[in-house]
Amino acid sequence: MGRGSVQLTFSKRRVGLFKKAHEISILCGANVALIIFSSKGNLYEYSTNSCMERILERYMRNSYVEKTFPIQEPESQEDLCQEYEELKRKVDALQRSRRHVMGENLDTLSLTELQQLELQLETTLKHIRFQMNKLLLDSIAELQRKEKSLLENKIVLENKIIENNNAITMARQMQAKEQGRDQASSSTPPTLLLLNSLSTALPPWMLRPPS
């Protein structure tokens, strides 16, 4: 085939290809981008609504996501069965360990396994005692703090009681003094009262004693 025939065939096919791309974009509502380089290096392109850059950007973004986070194929039935068996073995082992810790089915253990279990229980018991002692110390510190607060409140209340008693005592003493003054003024002898009244009524020469 001559070079002229090749170029003619390329032109016809290119036009048909662009026409099909346009039909797909219209009929299916799809975004289509088509890039063609001829044998001579000429560029021919088609894009929906002339948005080639946006379509290429979307392509690059989706391509990056697929390469970075490849879609994992669903696990086969065989893989699921193996995973189930593995999980079942772990659950059975945990249940046996729990029974051994509770002191059950110990006859199935060897001497080495019993020694390991004893060491595990001793270590667990140490942790339990440490936590228990920590809680006890925290409780004692809290009680001591409350005791100190109560003692401080007691001292404050005692001082207030003393102040109130002193105020009551002073009030009673002042009342007693006032009552004493009132009684002293009301207990003056009648003769003295008479002389006082006469001294105000008679002239001074009649009150002089005889010479």
C-alpha atoms as a PDB file:
ATOM      1  CA  MET A   1       0.000   0.000   0.000  1.00  0.00           C
ATOM      2  CA  GLY A   2       1.437   3.353  -1.031  1.00  0.00           C
ATOM      3  CA  ARG A   3       1.982   6.281   1.275  1.00  0.00           C
ATOM      4  CA  GLY A   4      -0.888   8.190  -0.315  1.00  0.00           C
ATOM      5  CA  SER A   5      -3.296   5.326   0.267  1.00  0.00           C
ATOM      6  CA  VAL A   6      -2.187   5.093   3.915  1.00  0.00           C
ATOM      7  CA  GLN A   7      -2.827   8.777   4.496  1.00  0.00           C
ATOM      8  CA  LEU A   8      -6.219   8.554   2.821  1.00  0.00           C
ATOM      9  CA  THR A   9      -7.208   5.568   4.925  1.00  0.00           C
ATOM     10  CA  PHE A  10      -6.005   7.332   8.086  1.00  0.00           C
ATOM     11  CA  SER A  11      -8.056  10.440   7.317  1.00  0.00           C
ATOM     12  CA  LYS A  12     -11.233   8.433   6.693  1.00  0.00           C
ATOM     13  CA  ARG A  13     -10.797   6.298   9.800  1.00  0.00           C
ATOM     14  CA  ARG A  14      -9.951   9.324  11.940  1.00  0.00           C
ATOM     15  CA  VAL A  15     -13.112  11.134  10.916  1.00  0.00           C
ATOM     16  CA  GLY A  16     -15.182   8.014  11.565  1.00  0.00           C
ATOM     17  CA  LEU A  17     -13.548   7.496  14.940  1.00  0.00           C
ATOM     18  CA  PHE A  18     -14.212  11.086  16.004  1.00  0.00           C
ATOM     19  CA  LYS A  19     -17.806  10.718  14.834  1.00  0.00           C
ATOM     20  CA  LYS A  20     -18.279   7.581  16.965  1.00  0.00           C
ATOM     21  CA  ALA A  21     -16.736   9.350  19.991  1.00  0.00           C
ATOM     22  CA  HIS A  22     -19.142  12.243  19.545  1.00  0.00           C
ATOM     23  CA  GLU A  23     -22.113   9.857  19.261  1.00  0.00           C
ATOM     24  CA  ILE A  24     -21.091   8.075  22.485  1.00  0.00           C
ATOM     25  CA  SER A  25     -20.812  11.373  24.357  1.00  0.00           C
ATOM     26  CA  ILE A  26     -24.261  12.471  23.145  1.00  0.00           C
ATOM     27  CA  LEU A  27     -26.170   9.187  23.496  1.00  0.00           C
ATOM     28  CA  CYS A  28     -24.609   8.014  26.786  1.00  0.00           C
ATOM     29  CA  GLY A  29     -23.860  11.351  28.464  1.00  0.00           C
ATOM     30  CA  ALA A  30     -20.223  10.313  28.858  1.00  0.00           C
ATOM     31  CA  ASN A  31     -17.133  12.485  28.913  1.00  0.00           C
ATOM     32  CA  VAL A  32     -14.909  11.371  26.029  1.00  0.00           C
ATOM     33  CA  ALA A  33     -11.336  12.373  25.207  1.00  0.00           C
ATOM     34  CA  LEU A  34      -9.576  11.018  22.136  1.00  0.00           C
ATOM     35  CA  ILE A  35      -5.931  11.669  21.161  1.00  0.00           C
ATOM     36  CA  ILE A  36      -4.359  10.486  17.931  1.00  0.00           C
ATOM     37  CA  PHE A  37      -0.835  10.905  16.569  1.00  0.00           C
ATOM     38  CA  SER A  38      -0.379  10.203  12.907  1.00  0.00           C
ATOM     39  CA  SER A  39       2.621   8.392  11.458  1.00  0.00           C
ATOM     40  CA  LYS A  40       4.084  11.801  10.690  1.00  0.00           C
ATOM     41  CA  GLY A  41       3.658  12.930  14.299  1.00  0.00           C
ATOM     42  CA  ASN A  42       0.655  15.151  13.734  1.00  0.00           C
ATOM     43  CA  LEU A  43      -1.712  15.503  16.716  1.00  0.00           C
ATOM     44  CA  TYR A  44      -5.462  15.091  16.373  1.00  0.00           C
ATOM     45  CA  GLU A  45      -7.763  15.238  19.394  1.00  0.00           C
ATOM     46  CA  TYR A  46     -11.402  15.250  20.345  1.00  0.00           C
ATOM     47  CA  SER A  47     -12.970  15.986  23.729  1.00  0.00           C
ATOM     48  CA  THR A  48     -16.508  16.424  25.001  1.00  0.00           C
ATOM     49  CA  ASN A  49     -17.441  20.121  25.151  1.00  0.00           C
ATOM     50  CA  SER A  50     -13.772  20.993  24.540  1.00  0.00           C
ATOM     51  CA  CYS A  51     -12.826  20.015  28.138  1.00  0.00           C
ATOM     52  CA  MET A  52      -9.736  17.970  27.329  1.00  0.00           C
ATOM     53  CA  GLU A  53      -7.727  19.338  30.282  1.00  0.00           C
ATOM     54  CA  ARG A  54     -10.427  18.498  32.847  1.00  0.00           C
ATOM     55  CA  ILE A  55     -10.858  14.998  31.432  1.00  0.00           C
ATOM     56  CA  LEU A  56      -7.099  14.381  31.513  1.00  0.00           C
ATOM     57  CA  GLU A  57      -6.882  15.737  35.077  1.00  0.00           C
ATOM     58  CA  ARG A  58      -9.669  13.403  36.150  1.00  0.00           C
ATOM     59  CA  TYR A  59      -7.904  10.525  34.421  1.00  0.00           C
ATOM     60  CA  MET A  60      -4.626  11.243  36.209  1.00  0.00           C
ATOM     61  CA  ARG A  61      -6.387  11.533  39.573  1.00  0.00           C
ATOM     62  CA  ASN A  62      -8.240   8.232  39.169  1.00  0.00           C
ATOM     63  CA  SER A  63      -5.147   6.508  37.852  1.00  0.00           C
ATOM     64  CA  TYR A  64      -3.148   7.664  40.917  1.00  0.00           C
ATOM     65  CA  VAL A  65      -5.804   6.369  43.310  1.00  0.00           C
ATOM     66  CA  GLU A  66      -5.927   2.984  41.630  1.00  0.00           C
ATOM     67  CA  LYS A  67      -2.146   2.657  41.710  1.00  0.00           C
ATOM     68  CA  THR A  68      -1.861   3.799  45.322  1.00  0.00           C
ATOM     69  CA  PHE A  69      -4.831   1.857  46.664  1.00  0.00           C
ATOM     70  CA  PRO A  70      -5.311  -1.137  44.408  1.00  0.00           C
ATOM     71  CA  ILE A  71      -8.650  -2.876  44.640  1.00  0.00           C
ATOM     72  CA  GLN A  72      -8.211  -6.152  46.452  1.00  0.00           C
ATOM     73  CA  GLU A  73      -9.735  -9.202  44.959  1.00  0.00           C
ATOM     74  CA  PRO A  74     -12.365 -10.844  47.134  1.00  0.00           C
ATOM     75  CA  GLU A  75     -11.006 -13.706  49.189  1.00  0.00           C
ATOM     76  CA  SER A  76     -11.706 -17.158  47.962  1.00  0.00           C
ATOM     77  CA  GLN A  77     -13.754 -19.681  49.897  1.00  0.00           C
ATOM     78  CA  GLU A  78     -10.597 -21.580  50.747  1.00  0.00           C
ATOM     79  CA  ASP A  79      -8.965 -18.474  52.272  1.00  0.00           C
ATOM     80  CA  LEU A  80     -12.076 -17.788  54.351  1.00  0.00           C
ATOM     81  CA  CYS A  81     -12.071 -21.361  55.649  1.00  0.00           C
ATOM     82  CA  GLN A  82      -8.411 -21.119  56.615  1.00  0.00           C
ATOM     83  CA  GLU A  83      -9.009 -17.825  58.424  1.00  0.00           C
ATOM     84  CA  TYR A  84     -11.973 -19.342  60.271  1.00  0.00           C
ATOM     85  CA  GLU A  85      -9.912 -22.339  61.379  1.00  0.00           C
ATOM     86  CA  GLU A  86      -7.128 -20.054  62.599  1.00  0.00           C
ATOM     87  CA  LEU A  87      -9.551 -17.928  64.611  1.00  0.00           C
ATOM     88  CA  LYS A  88     -11.173 -21.066  66.029  1.00  0.00           C
ATOM     89  CA  ARG A  89      -7.782 -22.382  67.193  1.00  0.00           C
ATOM     90  CA  LYS A  90      -7.050 -19.066  68.931  1.00  0.00           C
ATOM     91  CA  VAL A  91     -10.424 -19.080  70.696  1.00  0.00           C
ATOM     92  CA  ASP A  92      -9.927 -22.678  71.834  1.00  0.00           C
ATOM     93  CA  ALA A  93      -6.459 -21.826  73.156  1.00  0.00           C
ATOM     94  CA  LEU A  94      -7.825 -18.848  75.113  1.00  0.00           C
ATOM     95  CA  GLN A  95     -10.596 -20.952  76.592  1.00  0.00           C
ATOM     96  CA  ARG A  96      -8.112 -23.659  77.685  1.00  0.00           C
ATOM     97  CA  SER A  97      -5.856 -21.023  79.224  1.00  0.00           C
ATOM     98  CA  ARG A  98      -8.830 -19.577  81.116  1.00  0.00           C
ATOM     99  CA  ARG A  99      -9.776 -22.994  82.494  1.00  0.00           C
ATOM    100  CA  HIS A 100      -6.190 -23.622  83.577  1.00  0.00           C
ATOM    101  CA  VAL A 101      -6.045 -20.281  85.374  1.00  0.00           C
ATOM    102  CA  MET A 102      -9.280 -21.209  87.174  1.00  0.00           C
ATOM    103  CA  GLY A 103      -7.647 -24.500  88.273  1.00  0.00           C
ATOM    104  CA  GLU A 104      -9.582 -26.721  85.859  1.00  0.00           C
ATOM    105  CA  ASN A 105      -8.266 -29.539  83.606  1.00  0.00           C
ATOM    106  CA  LEU A 106      -4.792 -29.317  85.130  1.00  0.00           C
ATOM    107  CA  ASP A 107      -4.247 -33.060  84.663  1.00  0.00           C
ATOM    108  CA  THR A 108      -3.723 -32.459  80.932  1.00  0.00           C
ATOM    109  CA  LEU A 109      -0.668 -30.248  81.592  1.00  0.00           C
ATOM    110  CA  SER A 110       2.910 -31.419  81.821  1.00  0.00           C
ATOM    111  CA  LEU A 111       5.276 -30.488  84.637  1.00  0.00           C
ATOM    112  CA  THR A 112       6.846 -27.734  82.554  1.00  0.00           C
ATOM    113  CA  GLU A 113       3.443 -26.325  81.637  1.00  0.00           C
ATOM    114  CA  LEU A 114       2.380 -26.389  85.296  1.00  0.00           C
ATOM    115  CA  GLN A 115       5.530 -24.517  86.266  1.00  0.00           C
ATOM    116  CA  GLN A 116       4.862 -21.923  83.576  1.00  0.00           C
ATOM    117  CA  LEU A 117       1.285 -21.585  84.794  1.00  0.00           C
ATOM    118  CA  GLU A 118       2.487 -21.126  88.363  1.00  0.00           C
ATOM    119  CA  LEU A 119       4.920 -18.411  87.270  1.00  0.00           C
ATOM    120  CA  GLN A 120       2.149 -16.698  85.300  1.00  0.00           C
ATOM    121  CA  LEU A 121      -0.176 -16.765  88.310  1.00  0.00           C
ATOM    122  CA  GLU A 122       2.536 -15.395  90.613  1.00  0.00           C
ATOM    123  CA  THR A 123       3.219 -12.550  88.197  1.00  0.00           C
ATOM    124  CA  THR A 124      -0.495 -11.817  87.934  1.00  0.00           C
ATOM    125  CA  LEU A 125      -0.832 -11.914  91.724  1.00  0.00           C
ATOM    126  CA  LYS A 126       2.010  -9.397  92.066  1.00  0.00           C
ATOM    127  CA  HIS A 127       0.241  -7.031  89.704  1.00  0.00           C
ATOM    128  CA  ILE A 128      -3.009  -7.454  91.623  1.00  0.00           C
ATOM    129  CA  ARG A 129      -1.314  -6.758  94.963  1.00  0.00           C
ATOM    130  CA  PHE A 130       0.453  -3.716  93.537  1.00  0.00           C
ATOM    131  CA  GLN A 131      -2.798  -2.293  92.237  1.00  0.00           C
ATOM    132  CA  MET A 132      -4.579  -3.077  95.507  1.00  0.00           C
ATOM    133  CA  ASN A 133      -1.855  -1.385  97.567  1.00  0.00           C
ATOM    134  CA  LYS A 134      -2.008   1.638  95.291  1.00  0.00           C
ATOM    135  CA  LEU A 135      -5.764   1.917  95.808  1.00  0.00           C
ATOM    136  CA  LEU A 136      -5.353   1.557  99.577  1.00  0.00           C
ATOM    137  CA  LEU A 137      -2.692   4.257  99.711  1.00  0.00           C
ATOM    138  CA  ASP A 138      -4.840   6.553  97.616  1.00  0.00           C
ATOM    139  CA  SER A 139      -7.792   5.927  99.961  1.00  0.00           C
ATOM    140  CA  ILE A 140      -5.664   6.640 103.047  1.00  0.00           C
ATOM    141  CA  ALA A 141      -4.357   9.874 101.522  1.00  0.00           C
ATOM    142  CA  GLU A 142      -7.914  10.952 100.722  1.00  0.00           C
ATOM    143  CA  LEU A 143      -9.085  10.177 104.276  1.00  0.00           C
ATOM    144  CA  GLN A 144      -6.148  12.118 105.724  1.00  0.00           C
ATOM    145  CA  ARG A 145      -7.012  15.073 103.540  1.00  0.00           C
ATOM    146  CA  LYS A 146     -10.634  14.959 104.716  1.00  0.00           C
ATOM    147  CA  GLU A 147      -9.500  14.635 108.367  1.00  0.00           C
ATOM    148  CA  LYS A 148      -7.273  17.706 108.010  1.00  0.00           C
ATOM    149  CA  SER A 149     -10.127  19.659 106.467  1.00  0.00           C
ATOM    150  CA  LEU A 150     -12.476  18.635 109.289  1.00  0.00           C
ATOM    151  CA  LEU A 151      -9.927  19.660 111.950  1.00  0.00           C
ATOM    152  CA  GLU A 152      -9.493  23.062 110.308  1.00  0.00           C
ATOM    153  CA  ASN A 153     -13.262  23.539 110.222  1.00  0.00           C
ATOM    154  CA  LYS A 154     -13.475  22.483 113.884  1.00  0.00           C
ATOM    155  CA  ILE A 155     -10.878  25.078 114.907  1.00  0.00           C
ATOM    156  CA  VAL A 156     -12.768  27.782 113.016  1.00  0.00           C
ATOM    157  CA  LEU A 157     -16.038  26.814 114.721  1.00  0.00           C
ATOM    158  CA  GLU A 158     -14.408  26.733 118.173  1.00  0.00           C
ATOM    159  CA  ASN A 159     -12.982  30.227 117.639  1.00  0.00           C
ATOM    160  CA  LYS A 160     -16.414  31.491 116.631  1.00  0.00           C
ATOM    161  CA  ILE A 161     -17.975  29.920 119.753  1.00  0.00           C
ATOM    162  CA  ILE A 162     -15.331  31.571 121.981  1.00  0.00           C
ATOM    163  CA  GLU A 163     -15.960  34.941 120.342  1.00  0.00           C
ATOM    164  CA  ASN A 164     -19.711  34.550 120.830  1.00  0.00           C
ATOM    165  CA  ASN A 165     -19.269  33.566 124.510  1.00  0.00           C
ATOM    166  CA  ASN A 166     -16.992  36.558 125.130  1.00  0.00           C
ATOM    167  CA  ALA A 167     -19.520  38.870 123.537  1.00  0.00           C
ATOM    168  CA  ILE A 168     -22.333  37.402 125.683  1.00  0.00           C
ATOM    169  CA  THR A 169     -20.214  37.752 128.867  1.00  0.00           C
ATOM    170  CA  MET A 170     -19.393  41.398 128.114  1.00  0.00           C
ATOM    171  CA  ALA A 171     -23.036  42.137 127.430  1.00  0.00           C
ATOM    172  CA  ARG A 172     -24.067  40.596 130.747  1.00  0.00           C
ATOM    173  CA  GLN A 173     -21.386  42.539 132.640  1.00  0.00           C
ATOM    174  CA  MET A 174     -22.517  45.817 131.112  1.00  0.00           C
ATOM    175  CA  GLN A 175     -26.124  44.987 131.968  1.00  0.00           C
ATOM    176  CA  ALA A 176     -25.138  44.179 135.578  1.00  0.00           C
ATOM    177  CA  LYS A 177     -23.310  47.502 135.936  1.00  0.00           C
ATOM    178  CA  GLU A 178     -26.287  49.438 134.653  1.00  0.00           C
ATOM    179  CA  GLN A 179     -28.605  47.606 137.042  1.00  0.00           C
ATOM    180  CA  GLY A 180     -26.186  48.365 139.961  1.00  0.00           C
ATOM    181  CA  ARG A 181     -26.234  52.057 139.165  1.00  0.00           C
ATOM    182  CA  ASP A 182     -30.020  52.051 139.054  1.00  0.00           C
ATOM    183  CA  GLN A 183     -30.285  50.283 142.411  1.00  0.00           C
ATOM    184  CA  ALA A 184     -27.768  52.670 144.036  1.00  0.00           C
ATOM    185  CA  SER A 185     -29.779  55.698 142.995  1.00  0.00           C
ATOM    186  CA  SER A 186     -33.068  54.195 144.226  1.00  0.00           C
ATOM    187  CA  SER A 187     -31.693  53.089 147.716  1.00  0.00           C
ATOM    188  CA  THR A 188     -30.850  56.602 149.108  1.00  0.00           C
ATOM    189  CA  PRO A 189     -32.037  56.913 152.855  1.00  0.00           C
ATOM    190  CA  PRO A 190     -35.202  59.022 153.452  1.00  0.00           C
ATOM    191  CA  THR A 191     -33.371  61.357 155.961  1.00  0.00           C
ATOM    192  CA  LEU A 192     -30.783  62.182 153.336  1.00  0.00           C
ATOM    193  CA  LEU A 193     -33.536  62.866 150.843  1.00  0.00           C
ATOM    194  CA  LEU A 194     -35.273  65.149 153.368  1.00  0.00           C
ATOM    195  CA  LEU A 195     -32.094  67.105 154.096  1.00  0.00           C
ATOM    196  CA  ASN A 196     -31.479  67.506 150.430  1.00  0.00           C
ATOM    197  CA  SER A 197     -34.962  68.888 149.960  1.00  0.00           C
ATOM    198  CA  LEU A 198     -34.632  71.239 152.951  1.00  0.00           C
ATOM    199  CA  SER A 199     -31.293  72.528 151.821  1.00  0.00           C
ATOM    200  CA  THR A 200     -32.917  73.684 148.697  1.00  0.00           C
ATOM    201  CA  ALA A 201     -35.921  75.255 150.512  1.00  0.00           C
ATOM    202  CA  LEU A 202     -34.316  77.074 153.601  1.00  0.00           C
ATOM    203  CA  PRO A 203     -31.885  79.993 153.527  1.00  0.00           C
ATOM    204  CA  PRO A 204     -28.251  79.239 154.234  1.00  0.00           C
ATOM    205  CA  TRP A 205     -28.075  81.000 157.727  1.00  0.00           C
ATOM    206  CA  MET A 206     -30.761  78.627 159.131  1.00  0.00           C
ATOM    207  CA  LEU A 207     -28.728  75.619 158.128  1.00  0.00           C
ATOM    208  CA  ARG A 208     -25.631  76.823 160.095  1.00  0.00           C
ATOM    209  CA  PRO A 209     -25.005  74.916 163.393  1.00  0.00           C
ATOM    210  CA  PRO A 210     -25.282  76.996 166.634  1.00  0.00           C
ATOM    211  CA  SER A 211     -22.014  78.522 167.916  1.00  0.00           C
END
